[in-house]
C-alpha atoms as a PDB file:
ATOM      1  CA  UNK A   1     102.839  81.489 134.544  1.00  0.00           C
ATOM      2  CA  UNK A   2     102.115  84.767 136.128  1.00  0.00           C
ATOM      3  CA  UNK A   3      99.893  84.112 139.473  1.00  0.00           C
ATOM      4  CA  UNK A   4      97.856  87.347 140.337  1.00  0.00           C
ATOM      5  CA  UNK A   5      98.307  89.091 143.333  1.00  0.00           C
ATOM      6  CA  UNK A   6      96.250  91.557 145.620  1.00  0.00           C
ATOM      7  CA  UNK A   7      98.923  91.649 148.927  1.00  0.00           C
ATOM      8  CA  UNK A   8     101.776  93.781 147.250  1.00  0.00           C
ATOM      9  CA  UNK A   9     101.732  97.139 149.586  1.00  0.00           C
ATOM     10  CA  UNK A  10     101.339  99.260 146.469  1.00  0.00           C
ATOM     11  CA  UNK A  11      97.649  97.193 145.444  1.00  0.00           C
ATOM     12  CA  UNK A  12      98.839  96.454 142.261  1.00  0.00           C
ATOM     13  CA  UNK A  13      97.884  92.679 140.824  1.00  0.00           C
ATOM     14  CA  UNK A  14      99.501  90.629 137.970  1.00  0.00           C
ATOM     15  CA  UNK A  15      98.048  89.222 134.933  1.00  0.00           C
ATOM     16  CA  UNK A  16      97.896  85.806 134.338  1.00  0.00           C
ATOM     17  CA  UNK A  17      99.574  85.677 130.721  1.00  0.00           C
ATOM     18  CA  UNK A  18      97.773  82.390 130.326  1.00  0.00           C
ATOM     19  CA  UNK A  19      94.430  83.396 131.616  1.00  0.00           C
ATOM     20  CA  UNK A  20      94.852  86.711 128.947  1.00  0.00           C
ATOM     21  CA  UNK A  21      95.530  84.370 125.891  1.00  0.00           C
ATOM     22  CA  UNK A  22      92.507  82.534 126.646  1.00  0.00           C
ATOM     23  CA  UNK A  23      90.431  86.090 126.855  1.00  0.00           C
ATOM     24  CA  UNK A  24      92.175  87.637 123.441  1.00  0.00           C
ATOM     25  CA  UNK A  25      91.505  83.890 121.733  1.00  0.00           C
ATOM     26  CA  UNK A  26      87.500  83.910 122.896  1.00  0.00           C
ATOM     27  CA  UNK A  27      87.365  87.371 121.524  1.00  0.00           C
ATOM     28  CA  UNK A  28      88.764  86.825 118.269  1.00  0.00           C
ATOM     29  CA  UNK A  29      87.490  83.257 117.579  1.00  0.00           C
ATOM     30  CA  UNK A  30      83.772  84.535 118.382  1.00  0.00           C
ATOM     31  CA  UNK A  31      82.648  81.788 120.686  1.00  0.00           C
ATOM     32  CA  UNK A  32      84.372  79.338 123.540  1.00  0.00           C
ATOM     33  CA  UNK A  33      84.003  76.143 121.255  1.00  0.00           C
ATOM     34  CA  UNK A  34      86.113  77.887 118.492  1.00  0.00           C
ATOM     35  CA  UNK A  35      88.478  79.263 121.351  1.00  0.00           C
ATOM     36  CA  UNK A  36      88.953  75.833 122.663  1.00  0.00           C
ATOM     37  CA  UNK A  37      89.842  74.094 119.210  1.00  0.00           C
ATOM     38  CA  UNK A  38      92.651  76.731 118.576  1.00  0.00           C
ATOM     39  CA  UNK A  39      93.951  76.315 122.107  1.00  0.00           C
ATOM     40  CA  UNK A  40      93.522  72.595 122.250  1.00  0.00           C
ATOM     41  CA  UNK A  41      91.401  72.700 125.327  1.00  0.00           C
ATOM     42  CA  UNK A  42      87.526  71.768 126.487  1.00  0.00           C
ATOM     43  CA  UNK A  43      84.578  74.034 126.268  1.00  0.00           C
ATOM     44  CA  UNK A  44      83.968  73.542 130.100  1.00  0.00           C
ATOM     45  CA  UNK A  45      88.062  74.536 130.844  1.00  0.00           C
ATOM     46  CA  UNK A  46      87.950  77.502 128.753  1.00  0.00           C
ATOM     47  CA  UNK A  47      84.837  78.910 130.510  1.00  0.00           C
ATOM     48  CA  UNK A  48      86.866  78.180 133.819  1.00  0.00           C
ATOM     49  CA  UNK A  49      89.380  80.212 132.536  1.00  0.00           C
ATOM     50  CA  UNK A  50      87.501  83.062 131.787  1.00  0.00           C
ATOM     51  CA  UNK A  51      85.845  82.780 135.496  1.00  0.00           C
ATOM     52  CA  UNK A  52      89.090  82.892 137.111  1.00  0.00           C
ATOM     53  CA  UNK A  53      90.346  86.018 134.647  1.00  0.00           C
ATOM     54  CA  UNK A  54      87.059  87.832 136.059  1.00  0.00           C
ATOM     55  CA  UNK A  55      87.263  86.787 139.806  1.00  0.00           C
ATOM     56  CA  UNK A  56      90.673  88.411 139.687  1.00  0.00           C
ATOM     57  CA  UNK A  57      90.412  91.750 137.814  1.00  0.00           C
ATOM     58  CA  UNK A  58      86.794  91.558 139.884  1.00  0.00           C
ATOM     59  CA  UNK A  59      84.804  92.457 136.567  1.00  0.00           C
ATOM     60  CA  UNK A  60      83.226  91.183 134.208  1.00  0.00           C
ATOM     61  CA  UNK A  61      84.648  90.386 130.604  1.00  0.00           C
ATOM     62  CA  UNK A  62      81.736  89.219 128.489  1.00  0.00           C
ATOM     63  CA  UNK A  63      78.208  89.234 128.376  1.00  0.00           C
ATOM     64  CA  UNK A  64      76.720  85.885 127.656  1.00  0.00           C
ATOM     65  CA  UNK A  65      73.986  84.596 126.267  1.00  0.00           C
ATOM     66  CA  UNK A  66      72.228  81.164 124.377  1.00  0.00           C
ATOM     67  CA  UNK A  67      72.468  83.307 121.086  1.00  0.00           C
ATOM     68  CA  UNK A  68      75.446  86.012 121.070  1.00  0.00           C
ATOM     69  CA  UNK A  69      78.880  86.648 122.538  1.00  0.00           C
ATOM     70  CA  UNK A  70      79.970  90.011 123.077  1.00  0.00           C
ATOM     71  CA  UNK A  71      83.059  91.731 125.369  1.00  0.00           C
ATOM     72  CA  UNK A  72      81.744  94.358 128.300  1.00  0.00           C
ATOM     73  CA  UNK A  73      82.825  97.717 128.220  1.00  0.00           C
ATOM     74  CA  UNK A  74      85.493  96.617 130.835  1.00  0.00           C
ATOM     75  CA  UNK A  75      86.515  93.653 128.043  1.00  0.00           C
ATOM     76  CA  UNK A  76      87.081  96.378 125.534  1.00  0.00           C
ATOM     77  CA  UNK A  77      89.761  98.308 127.458  1.00  0.00           C
ATOM     78  CA  UNK A  78      91.707  94.523 128.427  1.00  0.00           C
ATOM     79  CA  UNK A  79      91.118  93.396 125.080  1.00  0.00           C
ATOM     80  CA  UNK A  80      94.395  96.008 123.598  1.00  0.00           C
ATOM     81  CA  UNK A  81      96.515  95.966 126.162  1.00  0.00           C
ATOM     82  CA  UNK A  82      96.070  91.972 126.910  1.00  0.00           C
ATOM     83  CA  UNK A  83      97.233  91.758 123.212  1.00  0.00           C
ATOM     84  CA  UNK A  84     100.517  93.886 123.878  1.00  0.00           C
ATOM     85  CA  UNK A  85     101.548  91.690 126.874  1.00  0.00           C
ATOM     86  CA  UNK A  86     101.370  88.400 124.950  1.00  0.00           C
ATOM     87  CA  UNK A  87     102.734  89.660 121.936  1.00  0.00           C
ATOM     88  CA  UNK A  88     105.263  91.116 124.299  1.00  0.00           C
ATOM     89  CA  UNK A  89     105.747  87.496 126.401  1.00  0.00           C
ATOM     90  CA  UNK A  90     105.918  85.715 122.828  1.00  0.00           C
ATOM     91  CA  UNK A  91     108.413  87.414 121.321  1.00  0.00           C
ATOM     92  CA  UNK A  92     110.888  87.418 124.227  1.00  0.00           C
ATOM     93  CA  UNK A  93     110.675  83.626 124.032  1.00  0.00           C
ATOM     94  CA  UNK A  94     110.928  83.236 120.537  1.00  0.00           C
ATOM     95  CA  UNK A  95     114.045  85.172 121.182  1.00  0.00           C
ATOM     96  CA  UNK A  96     115.873  83.132 123.705  1.00  0.00           C
ATOM     97  CA  UNK A  97     114.303  79.483 122.275  1.00  0.00           C
ATOM     98  CA  UNK A  98     114.621  80.503 118.785  1.00  0.00           C
ATOM     99  CA  UNK A  99     116.322  82.766 118.023  1.00  0.00           C
ATOM    100  CA  UNK A 100     116.772  81.218 114.280  1.00  0.00           C
ATOM    101  CA  UNK A 101     112.984  81.007 113.453  1.00  0.00           C
ATOM    102  CA  UNK A 102     112.994  84.588 112.059  1.00  0.00           C
ATOM    103  CA  UNK A 103     112.688  87.069 108.818  1.00  0.00           C
ATOM    104  CA  UNK A 104     110.263  87.480 106.024  1.00  0.00           C
ATOM    105  CA  UNK A 105     108.344  84.365 104.268  1.00  0.00           C
ATOM    106  CA  UNK A 106     107.064  85.530 101.216  1.00  0.00           C
ATOM    107  CA  UNK A 107     103.959  83.603 100.011  1.00  0.00           C
ATOM    108  CA  UNK A 108     101.942  83.448  97.337  1.00  0.00           C
ATOM    109  CA  UNK A 109      97.588  82.305  97.398  1.00  0.00           C
ATOM    110  CA  UNK A 110      94.326  82.831  95.106  1.00  0.00           C
ATOM    111  CA  UNK A 111      92.183  85.163  96.899  1.00  0.00           C
ATOM    112  CA  UNK A 112      89.031  83.074  97.388  1.00  0.00           C
ATOM    113  CA  UNK A 113      91.640  80.364  99.167  1.00  0.00           C
ATOM    114  CA  UNK A 114      92.771  82.842 101.742  1.00  0.00           C
ATOM    115  CA  UNK A 115      90.240  84.715 102.139  1.00  0.00           C
ATOM    116  CA  UNK A 116      87.993  81.216 103.418  1.00  0.00           C
ATOM    117  CA  UNK A 117      91.154  78.932 105.342  1.00  0.00           C
ATOM    118  CA  UNK A 118      94.404  80.537 105.349  1.00  0.00           C
ATOM    119  CA  UNK A 119      94.110  83.784 108.384  1.00  0.00           C
ATOM    120  CA  UNK A 120      93.838  81.309 111.271  1.00  0.00           C
ATOM    121  CA  UNK A 121      96.740  78.742 109.683  1.00  0.00           C
ATOM    122  CA  UNK A 122      98.844  81.728 109.466  1.00  0.00           C
ATOM    123  CA  UNK A 123      97.931  83.840 112.557  1.00  0.00           C
ATOM    124  CA  UNK A 124      98.668  80.177 114.266  1.00  0.00           C
ATOM    125  CA  UNK A 125     102.397  80.532 112.966  1.00  0.00           C
ATOM    126  CA  UNK A 126     103.086  84.186 113.671  1.00  0.00           C
ATOM    127  CA  UNK A 127     101.795  83.252 117.303  1.00  0.00           C
ATOM    128  CA  UNK A 128     104.146  81.104 117.968  1.00  0.00           C
ATOM    129  CA  UNK A 129     106.963  82.497 115.623  1.00  0.00           C
ATOM    130  CA  UNK A 130     106.753  86.074 115.964  1.00  0.00           C
ATOM    131  CA  UNK A 131     110.191  86.922 114.728  1.00  0.00           C
ATOM    132  CA  UNK A 132     108.721  85.865 111.334  1.00  0.00           C
ATOM    133  CA  UNK A 133     107.664  88.594 109.007  1.00  0.00           C
ATOM    134  CA  UNK A 134     105.045  87.724 106.232  1.00  0.00           C
ATOM    135  CA  UNK A 135     104.640  88.815 102.983  1.00  0.00           C
ATOM    136  CA  UNK A 136     101.308  87.394 101.589  1.00  0.00           C
ATOM    137  CA  UNK A 137      99.958  88.142  97.845  1.00  0.00           C
ATOM    138  CA  UNK A 138      96.856  87.139  96.512  1.00  0.00           C
ATOM    139  CA  UNK A 139      96.273  86.984  93.081  1.00  0.00           C
ATOM    140  CA  UNK A 140      95.167  84.708  89.724  1.00  0.00           C
ATOM    141  CA  UNK A 141      97.226  81.164  89.867  1.00  0.00           C
ATOM    142  CA  UNK A 142      98.438  82.071  86.624  1.00  0.00           C
ATOM    143  CA  UNK A 143     100.325  85.497  88.030  1.00  0.00           C
ATOM    144  CA  UNK A 144     101.404  83.522  91.314  1.00  0.00           C
ATOM    145  CA  UNK A 145     102.943  80.612  89.035  1.00  0.00           C
ATOM    146  CA  UNK A 146     104.405  83.592  86.515  1.00  0.00           C
ATOM    147  CA  UNK A 147     105.814  85.309  90.004  1.00  0.00           C
ATOM    148  CA  UNK A 148     106.887  82.220  91.840  1.00  0.00           C
ATOM    149  CA  UNK A 149     109.076  81.541  88.901  1.00  0.00           C
ATOM    150  CA  UNK A 150     110.872  84.748  88.610  1.00  0.00           C
ATOM    151  CA  UNK A 151     111.721  84.196  91.876  1.00  0.00           C
ATOM    152  CA  UNK A 152     109.386  86.151  93.906  1.00  0.00           C
ATOM    153  CA  UNK A 153     107.887  83.874  96.458  1.00  0.00           C
ATOM    154  CA  UNK A 154     109.392  80.916  98.759  1.00  0.00           C
ATOM    155  CA  UNK A 155     106.436  79.348  97.802  1.00  0.00           C
ATOM    156  CA  UNK A 156     102.916  79.374  96.476  1.00  0.00           C
ATOM    157  CA  UNK A 157      99.266  77.789  96.699  1.00  0.00           C
ATOM    158  CA  UNK A 158      97.597  77.453  93.442  1.00  0.00           C
ATOM    159  CA  UNK A 159      94.628  76.072  92.251  1.00  0.00           C
ATOM    160  CA  UNK A 160      95.172  73.057  90.029  1.00  0.00           C
ATOM    161  CA  UNK A 161      92.659  70.226  88.434  1.00  0.00           C
ATOM    162  CA  UNK A 162      92.937  66.990  90.206  1.00  0.00           C
ATOM    163  CA  UNK A 163      94.235  65.005  87.271  1.00  0.00           C
ATOM    164  CA  UNK A 164      96.658  67.087  86.578  1.00  0.00           C
ATOM    165  CA  UNK A 165     100.748  66.001  86.711  1.00  0.00           C
ATOM    166  CA  UNK A 166     102.340  69.097  88.389  1.00  0.00           C
ATOM    167  CA  UNK A 167     104.650  70.043  90.899  1.00  0.00           C
ATOM    168  CA  UNK A 168     104.048  70.466  94.072  1.00  0.00           C
ATOM    169  CA  UNK A 169     101.553  68.115  97.028  1.00  0.00           C
ATOM    170  CA  UNK A 170      98.252  68.962  97.172  1.00  0.00           C
ATOM    171  CA  UNK A 171      96.866  70.139 100.499  1.00  0.00           C
ATOM    172  CA  UNK A 172      93.268  70.895  99.590  1.00  0.00           C
ATOM    173  CA  UNK A 173      90.182  69.080  97.812  1.00  0.00           C
ATOM    174  CA  UNK A 174      86.698  70.862  97.640  1.00  0.00           C
ATOM    175  CA  UNK A 175      83.503  70.433  95.817  1.00  0.00           C
ATOM    176  CA  UNK A 176      82.660  72.739  93.299  1.00  0.00           C
ATOM    177  CA  UNK A 177      79.192  74.415  93.276  1.00  0.00           C
ATOM    178  CA  UNK A 178      77.153  76.764  91.072  1.00  0.00           C
ATOM    179  CA  UNK A 179      76.173  79.849  92.576  1.00  0.00           C
ATOM    180  CA  UNK A 180      73.431  81.878  91.538  1.00  0.00           C
ATOM    181  CA  UNK A 181      70.959  84.663  93.464  1.00  0.00           C
ATOM    182  CA  UNK A 182      68.171  81.629  94.165  1.00  0.00           C
ATOM    183  CA  UNK A 183      67.476  78.204  92.929  1.00  0.00           C
ATOM    184  CA  UNK A 184      65.670  79.198  89.620  1.00  0.00           C
ATOM    185  CA  UNK A 185      68.559  81.316  88.172  1.00  0.00           C
ATOM    186  CA  UNK A 186      69.532  79.105  85.496  1.00  0.00           C
ATOM    187  CA  UNK A 187      65.231  77.867  84.692  1.00  0.00           C
ATOM    188  CA  UNK A 188      64.442  78.975  81.224  1.00  0.00           C
ATOM    189  CA  UNK A 189      67.311  80.146  79.834  1.00  0.00           C
ATOM    190  CA  UNK A 190      68.696  79.870  76.052  1.00  0.00           C
ATOM    191  CA  UNK A 191      72.078  80.855  77.721  1.00  0.00           C
ATOM    192  CA  UNK A 192      73.820  80.590  80.934  1.00  0.00           C
ATOM    193  CA  UNK A 193      75.465  84.198  81.783  1.00  0.00           C
ATOM    194  CA  UNK A 194      78.379  83.259  83.563  1.00  0.00           C
ATOM    195  CA  UNK A 195      80.734  85.662  85.975  1.00  0.00           C
ATOM    196  CA  UNK A 196      83.812  84.815  86.007  1.00  0.00           C
ATOM    197  CA  UNK A 197      87.723  85.742  86.449  1.00  0.00           C
ATOM    198  CA  UNK A 198      89.831  86.579  83.806  1.00  0.00           C
ATOM    199  CA  UNK A 199      91.411  83.797  81.688  1.00  0.00           C
ATOM    200  CA  UNK A 200      93.394  81.574  82.214  1.00  0.00           C
ATOM    201  CA  UNK A 201      91.263  80.683  85.497  1.00  0.00           C
ATOM    202  CA  UNK A 202      89.941  76.809  86.912  1.00  0.00           C
ATOM    203  CA  UNK A 203      86.721  77.750  87.790  1.00  0.00           C
ATOM    204  CA  UNK A 204      85.874  79.349  84.481  1.00  0.00           C
ATOM    205  CA  UNK A 205      87.545  76.662  82.527  1.00  0.00           C
ATOM    206  CA  UNK A 206      85.343  74.255  84.623  1.00  0.00           C
ATOM    207  CA  UNK A 207      81.951  75.786  83.828  1.00  0.00           C
ATOM    208  CA  UNK A 208      82.287  76.607  80.497  1.00  0.00           C
ATOM    209  CA  UNK A 209      83.868  72.729  79.766  1.00  0.00           C
ATOM    210  CA  UNK A 210      80.953  71.754  82.320  1.00  0.00           C
ATOM    211  CA  UNK A 211      78.560  73.131  80.046  1.00  0.00           C
ATOM    212  CA  UNK A 212      79.953  72.270  77.237  1.00  0.00           C
ATOM    213  CA  UNK A 213      79.778  68.474  77.577  1.00  0.00           C
ATOM    214  CA  UNK A 214      75.758  69.199  78.729  1.00  0.00           C
ATOM    215  CA  UNK A 215      75.396  70.953  75.567  1.00  0.00           C
ATOM    216  CA  UNK A 216      74.057  74.136  76.834  1.00  0.00           C
ATOM    217  CA  UNK A 217      74.663  77.530  75.429  1.00  0.00           C
ATOM    218  CA  UNK A 218      76.506  80.222  77.708  1.00  0.00           C
ATOM    219  CA  UNK A 219      78.064  83.114  77.923  1.00  0.00           C
ATOM    220  CA  UNK A 220      80.356  85.635  80.004  1.00  0.00           C
ATOM    221  CA  UNK A 221      78.254  88.221  81.172  1.00  0.00           C
ATOM    222  CA  UNK A 222      80.595  90.002  83.914  1.00  0.00           C
ATOM    223  CA  UNK A 223      84.588  89.473  84.319  1.00  0.00           C
ATOM    224  CA  UNK A 224      85.856  90.170  87.667  1.00  0.00           C
ATOM    225  CA  UNK A 225      89.596  90.233  89.187  1.00  0.00           C
ATOM    226  CA  UNK A 226      88.424  90.119  93.095  1.00  0.00           C
ATOM    227  CA  UNK A 227      85.963  87.438  94.967  1.00  0.00           C
ATOM    228  CA  UNK A 228      83.892  90.522  96.293  1.00  0.00           C
ATOM    229  CA  UNK A 229      83.195  91.721  92.401  1.00  0.00           C
ATOM    230  CA  UNK A 230      82.110  88.238  91.617  1.00  0.00           C
ATOM    231  CA  UNK A 231      79.542  87.660  94.795  1.00  0.00           C
ATOM    232  CA  UNK A 232      78.774  91.107  94.303  1.00  0.00           C
ATOM    233  CA  UNK A 233      77.961  90.323  90.868  1.00  0.00           C
ATOM    234  CA  UNK A 234      76.009  87.156  91.720  1.00  0.00           C
ATOM    235  CA  UNK A 235      73.801  88.818  93.625  1.00  0.00           C
ATOM    236  CA  UNK A 236      72.328  91.296  91.798  1.00  0.00           C
ATOM    237  CA  UNK A 237      71.561  88.501  89.711  1.00  0.00           C
ATOM    238  CA  UNK A 238      73.984  89.192  86.485  1.00  0.00           C
ATOM    239  CA  UNK A 239      75.081  85.791  86.611  1.00  0.00           C
ATOM    240  CA  UNK A 240      76.131  82.418  87.935  1.00  0.00           C
ATOM    241  CA  UNK A 241      79.799  81.965  89.099  1.00  0.00           C
ATOM    242  CA  UNK A 242      81.289  78.642  90.580  1.00  0.00           C
ATOM    243  CA  UNK A 243      83.189  78.661  94.309  1.00  0.00           C
ATOM    244  CA  UNK A 244      84.053  76.272  96.525  1.00  0.00           C
ATOM    245  CA  UNK A 245      81.037  75.205  98.828  1.00  0.00           C
ATOM    246  CA  UNK A 246      82.529  76.748 102.087  1.00  0.00           C
ATOM    247  CA  UNK A 247      82.956  79.848 100.186  1.00  0.00           C
ATOM    248  CA  UNK A 248      79.203  80.686  99.383  1.00  0.00           C
ATOM    249  CA  UNK A 249      77.628  83.562 101.749  1.00  0.00           C
ATOM    250  CA  UNK A 250      74.733  82.791 102.996  1.00  0.00           C
ATOM    251  CA  UNK A 251      72.543  84.944 101.101  1.00  0.00           C
ATOM    252  CA  UNK A 252      73.431  83.199  97.890  1.00  0.00           C
ATOM    253  CA  UNK A 253      72.647  80.080  96.723  1.00  0.00           C
ATOM    254  CA  UNK A 254      74.519  77.057  96.372  1.00  0.00           C
ATOM    255  CA  UNK A 255      73.541  74.572  93.363  1.00  0.00           C
ATOM    256  CA  UNK A 256      75.691  71.329  93.125  1.00  0.00           C
ATOM    257  CA  UNK A 257      73.791  70.061  89.920  1.00  0.00           C
ATOM    258  CA  UNK A 258      70.810  69.823  88.413  1.00  0.00           C
ATOM    259  CA  UNK A 259      68.336  69.392  84.774  1.00  0.00           C
ATOM    260  CA  UNK A 260      69.534  73.154  84.362  1.00  0.00           C
ATOM    261  CA  UNK A 261      72.921  72.703  85.259  1.00  0.00           C
ATOM    262  CA  UNK A 262      75.575  69.795  85.250  1.00  0.00           C
ATOM    263  CA  UNK A 263      77.453  69.037  88.061  1.00  0.00           C
ATOM    264  CA  UNK A 264      81.483  69.916  88.224  1.00  0.00           C
ATOM    265  CA  UNK A 265      84.671  67.771  89.609  1.00  0.00           C
ATOM    266  CA  UNK A 266      86.394  69.227  93.016  1.00  0.00           C
ATOM    267  CA  UNK A 267      88.732  71.392  92.964  1.00  0.00           C
ATOM    268  CA  UNK A 268      92.841  70.714  94.105  1.00  0.00           C
ATOM    269  CA  UNK A 269      95.279  73.554  95.832  1.00  0.00           C
ATOM    270  CA  UNK A 270      98.797  72.868  95.511  1.00  0.00           C
ATOM    271  CA  UNK A 271     101.907  73.916  97.236  1.00  0.00           C
ATOM    272  CA  UNK A 272     104.852  74.233  95.411  1.00  0.00           C
ATOM    273  CA  UNK A 273     108.089  75.585  97.624  1.00  0.00           C
ATOM    274  CA  UNK A 274     111.105  77.133  95.761  1.00  0.00           C
ATOM    275  CA  UNK A 275     114.050  75.808  95.737  1.00  0.00           C
ATOM    276  CA  UNK A 276     116.990  76.762  98.275  1.00  0.00           C
ATOM    277  CA  UNK A 277     114.064  77.270 100.410  1.00  0.00           C
ATOM    278  CA  UNK A 278     114.747  78.588 104.007  1.00  0.00           C
ATOM    279  CA  UNK A 279     114.707  76.697 107.355  1.00  0.00           C
ATOM    280  CA  UNK A 280     112.403  79.439 108.289  1.00  0.00           C
ATOM    281  CA  UNK A 281     109.934  79.009 105.371  1.00  0.00           C
ATOM    282  CA  UNK A 282     110.389  75.630 104.571  1.00  0.00           C
ATOM    283  CA  UNK A 283     108.628  75.176 108.336  1.00  0.00           C
ATOM    284  CA  UNK A 284     105.725  77.746 107.579  1.00  0.00           C
ATOM    285  CA  UNK A 285     105.383  75.837 104.352  1.00  0.00           C
ATOM    286  CA  UNK A 286     105.259  72.687 106.500  1.00  0.00           C
ATOM    287  CA  UNK A 287     102.849  74.009 108.830  1.00  0.00           C
ATOM    288  CA  UNK A 288     100.229  75.213 106.369  1.00  0.00           C
ATOM    289  CA  UNK A 289     100.287  71.608 104.586  1.00  0.00           C
ATOM    290  CA  UNK A 290      99.532  70.471 108.691  1.00  0.00           C
ATOM    291  CA  UNK A 291      97.275  72.276 109.129  1.00  0.00           C
ATOM    292  CA  UNK A 292      94.992  72.295 106.208  1.00  0.00           C
ATOM    293  CA  UNK A 293      95.444  68.246 105.282  1.00  0.00           C
ATOM    294  CA  UNK A 294      94.077  68.019 108.874  1.00  0.00           C
ATOM    295  CA  UNK A 295      91.462  70.451 108.563  1.00  0.00           C
ATOM    296  CA  UNK A 296      90.032  67.903 105.752  1.00  0.00           C
ATOM    297  CA  UNK A 297      90.614  65.076 107.682  1.00  0.00           C
END
């Protein structure tokens, strides 16, 4: 830890890297509580560290109100250089103590899961191992599996039916819900309009199988290869989609099941490692498994 000092002949100050790491984490997490969770510290400890940093700098870095947290002008100027200092520190430590934890790791993951759950998990690993280069590809599960078996990935995260006996280990289960523009979107419809991904898609099959079992007519009204495209179509009232509950935007309505729509089984995500995996790739895969399983505890 580098302690701040104001007693040098030049009058320069030495920045405390631990306080800078706390500052950057708060800025990226958007709050003291979430930053504390990432750092393994209490909210009061995080607040104390920010206070110490502001005292050392003689400037405020955050404006805090009961409803909002934002960087001050001085905080904005500090953020970029603080990140550079932390990257230099972390890469130096990695070269000294973990020289073998390096190299490129190729990961394939479904777009919706990558958007909601994976960024924080991967960020934590790269922060701890800055010499590791990630190459993440988002695609449909079938395409990911084809590329994986062709040797293009070190490991993949793929959607699968919970009852399916497939390779890999389950790392995530989450309830699926119907997503609509409003609660009455499926009321008094002769045929349920569906916003889906191209076949084959686990969510698409789950929707059509559930509607068939209920005896409800359905039709595909909109097909999109991207999560953003599907959400936009639902928001425009073009149809209903099926998504994991945590992925439903606040502007749309999540329906678990009703007289008009059948209930849906949970979704499952499995991790599959390629044979002959490097130690670096295996460590990342184990990190992903550990963090995702813990996140559901």
